[in-house]
Amino acid sequence: MSNNNNQYEVNGESAARIPPSSAPAFERHFSVRELAALWGLSERTIRRMFASEPGVVALTRNETRSKRAYKTMRIPESVAQRVYRRLRRAS
């Protein structure tokens, strides 16, 4: 990696760093387990809360005859903050 804070290396080549505020793909993403531990809730509750929330990254694998379906969720920090603010206003 480069010593310059505004640069990073990709495959040995220097590239301009994208500010996290303008690139949601590069912000911190939480797993369901991580967010459940941080908020003191069950994983099931976190999954229900964020299932239809815009901005959540959900990867699914369809069910086959021999394997069950899986849904992996990654929750961006900005989405978690938005939901938290909404919940605080409701209480």
PDB file of N, CA and C in Angstrom:
ATOM      1  N   MET A   1       0.823  -1.188   0.000  1.00  0.00           N
ATOM      2  CA  MET A   1       0.000   0.000   0.000  1.00  0.00           C
ATOM      3  C   MET A   1       0.861   1.244   0.000  1.00  0.00           C
ATOM      4  N   SER A   2       0.327   2.258  -0.557  1.00  0.00           N
ATOM      5  CA  SER A   2       1.020   3.529  -0.620  1.00  0.00           C
ATOM      6  C   SER A   2       0.969   4.231   0.739  1.00  0.00           C
ATOM      7  N   ASN A   3       1.972   5.049   1.028  1.00  0.00           N
ATOM      8  CA  ASN A   3       1.995   5.795   2.275  1.00  0.00           C
ATOM      9  C   ASN A   3       1.098   7.015   2.231  1.00  0.00           C
ATOM     10  N   ASN A   4       0.736   7.468   1.046  1.00  0.00           N
ATOM     11  CA  ASN A   4      -0.133   8.620   0.896  1.00  0.00           C
ATOM     12  C   ASN A   4      -1.553   8.225   1.293  1.00  0.00           C
ATOM     13  N   ASN A   5      -2.200   8.996   2.172  1.00  0.00           N
ATOM     14  CA  ASN A   5      -3.538   8.670   2.651  1.00  0.00           C
ATOM     15  C   ASN A   5      -4.615   8.765   1.577  1.00  0.00           C
ATOM     16  N   ASN A   6      -4.339   9.485   0.485  1.00  0.00           N
ATOM     17  CA  ASN A   6      -5.331   9.636  -0.572  1.00  0.00           C
ATOM     18  C   ASN A   6      -5.175   8.601  -1.674  1.00  0.00           C
ATOM     19  N   GLN A   7      -4.297   7.660  -1.514  1.00  0.00           N
ATOM     20  CA  GLN A   7      -4.029   6.659  -2.544  1.00  0.00           C
ATOM     21  C   GLN A   7      -4.061   5.261  -1.945  1.00  0.00           C
ATOM     22  N   TYR A   8      -4.357   4.282  -2.765  1.00  0.00           N
ATOM     23  CA  TYR A   8      -4.180   2.891  -2.393  1.00  0.00           C
ATOM     24  C   TYR A   8      -3.749   2.136  -3.638  1.00  0.00           C
ATOM     25  N   GLU A   9      -3.295   0.927  -3.448  1.00  0.00           N
ATOM     26  CA  GLU A   9      -2.806   0.154  -4.585  1.00  0.00           C
ATOM     27  C   GLU A   9      -3.753  -0.981  -4.910  1.00  0.00           C
ATOM     28  N   VAL A  10      -3.980  -1.170  -6.192  1.00  0.00           N
ATOM     29  CA  VAL A  10      -4.766  -2.281  -6.694  1.00  0.00           C
ATOM     30  C   VAL A  10      -3.888  -3.016  -7.685  1.00  0.00           C
ATOM     31  N   ASN A  11      -3.573  -4.266  -7.379  1.00  0.00           N
ATOM     32  CA  ASN A  11      -2.698  -5.071  -8.237  1.00  0.00           C
ATOM     33  C   ASN A  11      -1.383  -4.355  -8.529  1.00  0.00           C
ATOM     34  N   GLY A  12      -0.831  -3.715  -7.513  1.00  0.00           N
ATOM     35  CA  GLY A  12       0.454  -3.057  -7.654  1.00  0.00           C
ATOM     36  C   GLY A  12       0.401  -1.677  -8.280  1.00  0.00           C
ATOM     37  N   GLU A  13      -0.791  -1.228  -8.697  1.00  0.00           N
ATOM     38  CA  GLU A  13      -0.929   0.084  -9.310  1.00  0.00           C
ATOM     39  C   GLU A  13      -1.662   1.020  -8.363  1.00  0.00           C
ATOM     40  N   SER A  14      -1.241   2.274  -8.333  1.00  0.00           N
ATOM     41  CA  SER A  14      -1.852   3.267  -7.473  1.00  0.00           C
ATOM     42  C   SER A  14      -3.165   3.751  -8.090  1.00  0.00           C
ATOM     43  N   ALA A  15      -4.175   3.955  -7.262  1.00  0.00           N
ATOM     44  CA  ALA A  15      -5.467   4.459  -7.723  1.00  0.00           C
ATOM     45  C   ALA A  15      -5.975   5.480  -6.717  1.00  0.00           C
ATOM     46  N   ALA A  16      -6.786   6.427  -7.172  1.00  0.00           N
ATOM     47  CA  ALA A  16      -7.348   7.446  -6.283  1.00  0.00           C
ATOM     48  C   ALA A  16      -8.319   6.793  -5.318  1.00  0.00           C
ATOM     49  N   ARG A  17      -8.271   7.208  -4.076  1.00  0.00           N
ATOM     50  CA  ARG A  17      -9.163   6.661  -3.062  1.00  0.00           C
ATOM     51  C   ARG A  17     -10.540   7.308  -3.172  1.00  0.00           C
ATOM     52  N   ILE A  18     -11.578   6.497  -3.060  1.00  0.00           N
ATOM     53  CA  ILE A  18     -12.946   6.982  -3.151  1.00  0.00           C
ATOM     54  C   ILE A  18     -13.409   7.318  -1.735  1.00  0.00           C
ATOM     55  N   PRO A  19     -13.874   8.544  -1.496  1.00  0.00           N
ATOM     56  CA  PRO A  19     -14.341   8.896  -0.158  1.00  0.00           C
ATOM     57  C   PRO A  19     -15.522   8.021   0.253  1.00  0.00           C
ATOM     58  N   PRO A  20     -15.521   7.473   1.484  1.00  0.00           N
ATOM     59  CA  PRO A  20     -16.603   6.598   1.919  1.00  0.00           C
ATOM     60  C   PRO A  20     -17.986   7.236   1.852  1.00  0.00           C
ATOM     61  N   SER A  21     -18.088   8.538   2.080  1.00  0.00           N
ATOM     62  CA  SER A  21     -19.393   9.184   2.075  1.00  0.00           C
ATOM     63  C   SER A  21     -20.032   9.189   0.700  1.00  0.00           C
ATOM     64  N   SER A  22     -19.239   9.137  -0.356  1.00  0.00           N
ATOM     65  CA  SER A  22     -19.807   9.180  -1.698  1.00  0.00           C
ATOM     66  C   SER A  22     -19.872   7.804  -2.343  1.00  0.00           C
ATOM     67  N   ALA A  23     -19.413   6.774  -1.660  1.00  0.00           N
ATOM     68  CA  ALA A  23     -19.417   5.442  -2.245  1.00  0.00           C
ATOM     69  C   ALA A  23     -19.930   4.423  -1.230  1.00  0.00           C
ATOM     70  N   PRO A  24     -21.242   4.150  -1.239  1.00  0.00           N
ATOM     71  CA  PRO A  24     -21.806   3.214  -0.265  1.00  0.00           C
ATOM     72  C   PRO A  24     -21.176   1.820  -0.328  1.00  0.00           C
ATOM     73  N   ALA A  25     -20.658   1.438  -1.461  1.00  0.00           N
ATOM     74  CA  ALA A  25     -20.051   0.109  -1.581  1.00  0.00           C
ATOM     75  C   ALA A  25     -18.803  -0.030  -0.718  1.00  0.00           C
ATOM     76  N   PHE A  26     -18.184   1.083  -0.345  1.00  0.00           N
ATOM     77  CA  PHE A  26     -16.936   1.040   0.408  1.00  0.00           C
ATOM     78  C   PHE A  26     -17.116   1.368   1.892  1.00  0.00           C
ATOM     79  N   GLU A  27     -18.353   1.600   2.311  1.00  0.00           N
ATOM     80  CA  GLU A  27     -18.563   1.844   3.732  1.00  0.00           C
ATOM     81  C   GLU A  27     -18.627   0.509   4.480  1.00  0.00           C
ATOM     82  N   ARG A  28     -18.577   0.567   5.778  1.00  0.00           N
ATOM     83  CA  ARG A  28     -18.621  -0.631   6.618  1.00  0.00           C
ATOM     84  C   ARG A  28     -19.964  -1.334   6.452  1.00  0.00           C
ATOM     85  N   HIS A  29     -19.933  -2.647   6.247  1.00  0.00           N
ATOM     86  CA  HIS A  29     -21.142  -3.466   6.156  1.00  0.00           C
ATOM     87  C   HIS A  29     -21.136  -4.462   7.315  1.00  0.00           C
ATOM     88  N   PHE A  30     -22.261  -4.566   8.012  1.00  0.00           N
ATOM     89  CA  PHE A  30     -22.391  -5.480   9.135  1.00  0.00           C
ATOM     90  C   PHE A  30     -23.093  -6.755   8.709  1.00  0.00           C
ATOM     91  N   SER A  31     -22.673  -7.868   9.277  1.00  0.00           N
ATOM     92  CA  SER A  31     -23.432  -9.101   9.097  1.00  0.00           C
ATOM     93  C   SER A  31     -24.601  -9.048  10.079  1.00  0.00           C
ATOM     94  N   VAL A  32     -25.561  -9.926   9.879  1.00  0.00           N
ATOM     95  CA  VAL A  32     -26.702  -9.992  10.790  1.00  0.00           C
ATOM     96  C   VAL A  32     -26.218 -10.314  12.202  1.00  0.00           C
ATOM     97  N   ARG A  33     -25.286 -11.221  12.323  1.00  0.00           N
ATOM     98  CA  ARG A  33     -24.759 -11.618  13.635  1.00  0.00           C
ATOM     99  C   ARG A  33     -24.076 -10.442  14.330  1.00  0.00           C
ATOM    100  N   GLU A  34     -23.260  -9.676  13.596  1.00  0.00           N
ATOM    101  CA  GLU A  34     -22.559  -8.534  14.193  1.00  0.00           C
ATOM    102  C   GLU A  34     -23.543  -7.483  14.706  1.00  0.00           C
ATOM    103  N   LEU A  35     -24.533  -7.153  13.876  1.00  0.00           N
ATOM    104  CA  LEU A  35     -25.495  -6.130  14.269  1.00  0.00           C
ATOM    105  C   LEU A  35     -26.370  -6.605  15.431  1.00  0.00           C
ATOM    106  N   ALA A  36     -26.721  -7.868  15.435  1.00  0.00           N
ATOM    107  CA  ALA A  36     -27.501  -8.420  16.549  1.00  0.00           C
ATOM    108  C   ALA A  36     -26.721  -8.313  17.856  1.00  0.00           C
ATOM    109  N   ALA A  37     -25.434  -8.598  17.812  1.00  0.00           N
ATOM    110  CA  ALA A  37     -24.600  -8.494  19.013  1.00  0.00           C
ATOM    111  C   ALA A  37     -24.461  -7.040  19.465  1.00  0.00           C
ATOM    112  N   LEU A  38     -24.276  -6.130  18.526  1.00  0.00           N
ATOM    113  CA  LEU A  38     -24.131  -4.709  18.870  1.00  0.00           C
ATOM    114  C   LEU A  38     -25.404  -4.139  19.484  1.00  0.00           C
ATOM    115  N   TRP A  39     -26.550  -4.524  18.961  1.00  0.00           N
ATOM    116  CA  TRP A  39     -27.816  -3.959  19.414  1.00  0.00           C
ATOM    117  C   TRP A  39     -28.458  -4.792  20.512  1.00  0.00           C
ATOM    118  N   GLY A  40     -27.905  -5.949  20.831  1.00  0.00           N
ATOM    119  CA  GLY A  40     -28.467  -6.801  21.875  1.00  0.00           C
ATOM    120  C   GLY A  40     -29.792  -7.428  21.496  1.00  0.00           C
ATOM    121  N   LEU A  41     -29.953  -7.736  20.209  1.00  0.00           N
ATOM    122  CA  LEU A  41     -31.179  -8.359  19.711  1.00  0.00           C
ATOM    123  C   LEU A  41     -30.839  -9.716  19.102  1.00  0.00           C
ATOM    124  N   SER A  42     -31.868 -10.501  18.807  1.00  0.00           N
ATOM    125  CA  SER A  42     -31.627 -11.792  18.175  1.00  0.00           C
ATOM    126  C   SER A  42     -31.367 -11.608  16.681  1.00  0.00           C
ATOM    127  N   GLU A  43     -30.697 -12.584  16.086  1.00  0.00           N
ATOM    128  CA  GLU A  43     -30.444 -12.540  14.647  1.00  0.00           C
ATOM    129  C   GLU A  43     -31.761 -12.556  13.880  1.00  0.00           C
ATOM    130  N   ARG A  44     -32.725 -13.282  14.389  1.00  0.00           N
ATOM    131  CA  ARG A  44     -34.030 -13.355  13.726  1.00  0.00           C
ATOM    132  C   ARG A  44     -34.689 -11.975  13.688  1.00  0.00           C
ATOM    133  N   THR A  45     -34.610 -11.243  14.790  1.00  0.00           N
ATOM    134  CA  THR A  45     -35.190  -9.900  14.848  1.00  0.00           C
ATOM    135  C   THR A  45     -34.504  -8.966  13.862  1.00  0.00           C
ATOM    136  N   ILE A  46     -33.178  -9.020  13.793  1.00  0.00           N
ATOM    137  CA  ILE A  46     -32.430  -8.175  12.851  1.00  0.00           C
ATOM    138  C   ILE A  46     -32.817  -8.512  11.419  1.00  0.00           C
ATOM    139  N   ARG A  47     -32.929  -9.794  11.106  1.00  0.00           N
ATOM    140  CA  ARG A  47     -33.331 -10.202   9.748  1.00  0.00           C
ATOM    141  C   ARG A  47     -34.706  -9.638   9.393  1.00  0.00           C
ATOM    142  N   ARG A  48     -35.651  -9.704  10.327  1.00  0.00           N
ATOM    143  CA  ARG A  48     -37.001  -9.172  10.064  1.00  0.00           C
ATOM    144  C   ARG A  48     -36.971  -7.660   9.897  1.00  0.00           C
ATOM    145  N   MET A  49     -36.183  -6.971  10.726  1.00  0.00           N
ATOM    146  CA  MET A  49     -36.121  -5.514  10.671  1.00  0.00           C
ATOM    147  C   MET A  49     -35.555  -5.009   9.349  1.00  0.00           C
ATOM    148  N   PHE A  50     -34.569  -5.732   8.803  1.00  0.00           N
ATOM    149  CA  PHE A  50     -33.865  -5.252   7.621  1.00  0.00           C
ATOM    150  C   PHE A  50     -34.246  -5.977   6.328  1.00  0.00           C
ATOM    151  N   ALA A  51     -35.196  -6.898   6.384  1.00  0.00           N
ATOM    152  CA  ALA A  51     -35.551  -7.704   5.210  1.00  0.00           C
ATOM    153  C   ALA A  51     -35.995  -6.858   4.021  1.00  0.00           C
ATOM    154  N   SER A  52     -36.777  -5.821   4.268  1.00  0.00           N
ATOM    155  CA  SER A  52     -37.287  -5.010   3.156  1.00  0.00           C
ATOM    156  C   SER A  52     -36.709  -3.597   3.159  1.00  0.00           C
ATOM    157  N   GLU A  53     -35.626  -3.401   3.894  1.00  0.00           N
ATOM    158  CA  GLU A  53     -35.015  -2.071   4.013  1.00  0.00           C
ATOM    159  C   GLU A  53     -34.187  -1.762   2.760  1.00  0.00           C
ATOM    160  N   PRO A  54     -34.408  -0.609   2.118  1.00  0.00           N
ATOM    161  CA  PRO A  54     -33.609  -0.239   0.944  1.00  0.00           C
ATOM    162  C   PRO A  54     -32.135  -0.072   1.303  1.00  0.00           C
ATOM    163  N   GLY A  55     -31.266  -0.567   0.453  1.00  0.00           N
ATOM    164  CA  GLY A  55     -29.830  -0.427   0.649  1.00  0.00           C
ATOM    165  C   GLY A  55     -29.161  -1.650   1.237  1.00  0.00           C
ATOM    166  N   VAL A  56     -29.926  -2.597   1.752  1.00  0.00           N
ATOM    167  CA  VAL A  56     -29.357  -3.820   2.323  1.00  0.00           C
ATOM    168  C   VAL A  56     -28.952  -4.750   1.174  1.00  0.00           C
ATOM    169  N   VAL A  57     -27.760  -5.302   1.282  1.00  0.00           N
ATOM    170  CA  VAL A  57     -27.270  -6.232   0.267  1.00  0.00           C
ATOM    171  C   VAL A  57     -27.700  -7.634   0.680  1.00  0.00           C
ATOM    172  N   ALA A  58     -28.487  -8.278  -0.170  1.00  0.00           N
ATOM    173  CA  ALA A  58     -28.978  -9.625   0.128  1.00  0.00           C
ATOM    174  C   ALA A  58     -28.567 -10.569  -0.998  1.00  0.00           C
ATOM    175  N   LEU A  59     -27.830 -11.590  -0.637  1.00  0.00           N
ATOM    176  CA  LEU A  59     -27.419 -12.612  -1.593  1.00  0.00           C
ATOM    177  C   LEU A  59     -28.215 -13.872  -1.299  1.00  0.00           C
ATOM    178  N   THR A  60     -28.847 -14.410  -2.309  1.00  0.00           N
ATOM    179  CA  THR A  60     -29.668 -15.596  -2.089  1.00  0.00           C
ATOM    180  C   THR A  60     -29.185 -16.756  -2.950  1.00  0.00           C
ATOM    181  N   ARG A  61     -29.387 -17.931  -2.411  1.00  0.00           N
ATOM    182  CA  ARG A  61     -29.150 -19.152  -3.170  1.00  0.00           C
ATOM    183  C   ARG A  61     -30.474 -19.905  -3.156  1.00  0.00           C
ATOM    184  N   ASN A  62     -30.976 -20.217  -4.327  1.00  0.00           N
ATOM    185  CA  ASN A  62     -32.256 -20.894  -4.428  1.00  0.00           C
ATOM    186  C   ASN A  62     -32.179 -22.318  -3.907  1.00  0.00           C
ATOM    187  N   GLU A  63     -33.313 -22.783  -3.473  1.00  0.00           N
ATOM    188  CA  GLU A  63     -33.419 -24.145  -2.958  1.00  0.00           C
ATOM    189  C   GLU A  63     -33.380 -25.142  -4.110  1.00  0.00           C
ATOM    190  N   THR A  64     -32.675 -26.235  -3.880  1.00  0.00           N
ATOM    191  CA  THR A  64     -32.683 -27.345  -4.833  1.00  0.00           C
ATOM    192  C   THR A  64     -33.252 -28.560  -4.119  1.00  0.00           C
ATOM    193  N   ARG A  65     -33.326 -29.658  -4.791  1.00  0.00           N
ATOM    194  CA  ARG A  65     -33.870 -30.862  -4.156  1.00  0.00           C
ATOM    195  C   ARG A  65     -33.016 -31.328  -2.991  1.00  0.00           C
ATOM    196  N   SER A  66     -31.715 -31.091  -3.063  1.00  0.00           N
ATOM    197  CA  SER A  66     -30.830 -31.597  -2.018  1.00  0.00           C
ATOM    198  C   SER A  66     -30.276 -30.523  -1.073  1.00  0.00           C
ATOM    199  N   LYS A  67     -30.510 -29.252  -1.379  1.00  0.00           N
ATOM    200  CA  LYS A  67     -29.978 -28.177  -0.527  1.00  0.00           C
ATOM    201  C   LYS A  67     -31.046 -27.131  -0.278  1.00  0.00           C
ATOM    202  N   ARG A  68     -31.071 -26.639   0.965  1.00  0.00           N
ATOM    203  CA  ARG A  68     -32.051 -25.613   1.295  1.00  0.00           C
ATOM    204  C   ARG A  68     -31.587 -24.246   0.810  1.00  0.00           C
ATOM    205  N   ALA A  69     -32.512 -23.321   0.736  1.00  0.00           N
ATOM    206  CA  ALA A  69     -32.205 -21.965   0.297  1.00  0.00           C
ATOM    207  C   ALA A  69     -31.476 -21.211   1.407  1.00  0.00           C
ATOM    208  N   TYR A  70     -30.590 -20.312   1.021  1.00  0.00           N
ATOM    209  CA  TYR A  70     -29.871 -19.452   1.958  1.00  0.00           C
ATOM    210  C   TYR A  70     -30.024 -18.007   1.529  1.00  0.00           C
ATOM    211  N   LYS A  71     -30.069 -17.123   2.514  1.00  0.00           N
ATOM    212  CA  LYS A  71     -30.075 -15.693   2.244  1.00  0.00           C
ATOM    213  C   LYS A  71     -29.039 -15.055   3.154  1.00  0.00           C
ATOM    214  N   THR A  72     -28.019 -14.470   2.564  1.00  0.00           N
ATOM    215  CA  THR A  72     -26.978 -13.778   3.302  1.00  0.00           C
ATOM    216  C   THR A  72     -27.234 -12.287   3.185  1.00  0.00           C
ATOM    217  N   MET A  73     -27.228 -11.598   4.319  1.00  0.00           N
ATOM    218  CA  MET A  73     -27.490 -10.158   4.323  1.00  0.00           C
ATOM    219  C   MET A  73     -26.271  -9.407   4.836  1.00  0.00           C
ATOM    220  N   ARG A  74     -25.975  -8.296   4.202  1.00  0.00           N
ATOM    221  CA  ARG A  74     -24.959  -7.359   4.666  1.00  0.00           C
ATOM    222  C   ARG A  74     -25.636  -6.000   4.766  1.00  0.00           C
ATOM    223  N   ILE A  75     -25.509  -5.400   5.934  1.00  0.00           N
ATOM    224  CA  ILE A  75     -26.227  -4.161   6.226  1.00  0.00           C
ATOM    225  C   ILE A  75     -25.235  -3.011   6.299  1.00  0.00           C
ATOM    226  N   PRO A  76     -25.303  -2.066   5.351  1.00  0.00           N
ATOM    227  CA  PRO A  76     -24.396  -0.920   5.383  1.00  0.00           C
ATOM    228  C   PRO A  76     -24.609  -0.084   6.648  1.00  0.00           C
ATOM    229  N   GLU A  77     -23.544   0.515   7.110  1.00  0.00           N
ATOM    230  CA  GLU A  77     -23.600   1.323   8.327  1.00  0.00           C
ATOM    231  C   GLU A  77     -24.631   2.439   8.210  1.00  0.00           C
ATOM    232  N   SER A  78     -24.716   3.080   7.043  1.00  0.00           N
ATOM    233  CA  SER A  78     -25.678   4.176   6.871  1.00  0.00           C
ATOM    234  C   SER A  78     -27.118   3.673   6.994  1.00  0.00           C
ATOM    235  N   VAL A  79     -27.396   2.468   6.522  1.00  0.00           N
ATOM    236  CA  VAL A  79     -28.736   1.894   6.637  1.00  0.00           C
ATOM    237  C   VAL A  79     -29.037   1.580   8.107  1.00  0.00           C
ATOM    238  N   ALA A  80     -28.074   1.005   8.811  1.00  0.00           N
ATOM    239  CA  ALA A  80     -28.252   0.694  10.230  1.00  0.00           C
ATOM    240  C   ALA A  80     -28.519   1.978  11.019  1.00  0.00           C
ATOM    241  N   GLN A  81     -27.796   3.045  10.713  1.00  0.00           N
ATOM    242  CA  GLN A  81     -28.010   4.318  11.407  1.00  0.00           C
ATOM    243  C   GLN A  81     -29.391   4.882  11.110  1.00  0.00           C
ATOM    244  N   ARG A  82     -29.838   4.768   9.861  1.00  0.00           N
ATOM    245  CA  ARG A  82     -31.163   5.262   9.473  1.00  0.00           C
ATOM    246  C   ARG A  82     -32.261   4.521  10.244  1.00  0.00           C
ATOM    247  N   VAL A  83     -32.161   3.206  10.324  1.00  0.00           N
ATOM    248  CA  VAL A  83     -33.156   2.410  11.043  1.00  0.00           C
ATOM    249  C   VAL A  83     -33.113   2.741  12.535  1.00  0.00           C
ATOM    250  N   TYR A  84     -31.913   2.882  13.074  1.00  0.00           N
ATOM    251  CA  TYR A  84     -31.770   3.216  14.501  1.00  0.00           C
ATOM    252  C   TYR A  84     -32.431   4.560  14.816  1.00  0.00           C
ATOM    253  N   ARG A  85     -32.191   5.566  13.963  1.00  0.00           N
ATOM    254  CA  ARG A  85     -32.815   6.886  14.167  1.00  0.00           C
ATOM    255  C   ARG A  85     -34.340   6.772  14.099  1.00  0.00           C
ATOM    256  N   ARG A  86     -34.850   6.006  13.151  1.00  0.00           N
ATOM    257  CA  ARG A  86     -36.290   5.819  13.009  1.00  0.00           C
ATOM    258  C   ARG A  86     -36.880   5.141  14.253  1.00  0.00           C
ATOM    259  N   LEU A  87     -36.180   4.161  14.788  1.00  0.00           N
ATOM    260  CA  LEU A  87     -36.659   3.461  15.977  1.00  0.00           C
ATOM    261  C   LEU A  87     -36.626   4.358  17.212  1.00  0.00           C
ATOM    262  N   ARG A  88     -35.618   5.208  17.301  1.00  0.00           N
ATOM    263  CA  ARG A  88     -35.527   6.120  18.447  1.00  0.00           C
ATOM    264  C   ARG A  88     -36.662   7.138  18.422  1.00  0.00           C
ATOM    265  N   ARG A  89     -37.033   7.620  17.236  1.00  0.00           N
ATOM    266  CA  ARG A  89     -38.134   8.584  17.121  1.00  0.00           C
ATOM    267  C   ARG A  89     -39.457   7.931  17.497  1.00  0.00           C
ATOM    268  N   ALA A  90     -39.611   6.644  17.185  1.00  0.00           N
ATOM    269  CA  ALA A  90     -40.861   5.941  17.451  1.00  0.00           C
ATOM    270  C   ALA A  90     -41.067   5.655  18.928  1.00  0.00           C
ATOM    271  N   SER A  91     -39.985   5.634  19.686  1.00  0.00           N
ATOM    272  CA  SER A  91     -40.130   5.274  21.114  1.00  0.00           C
ATOM    273  C   SER A  91     -40.464   6.454  21.992  1.00  0.00           C
TER     274      SER A  91
END
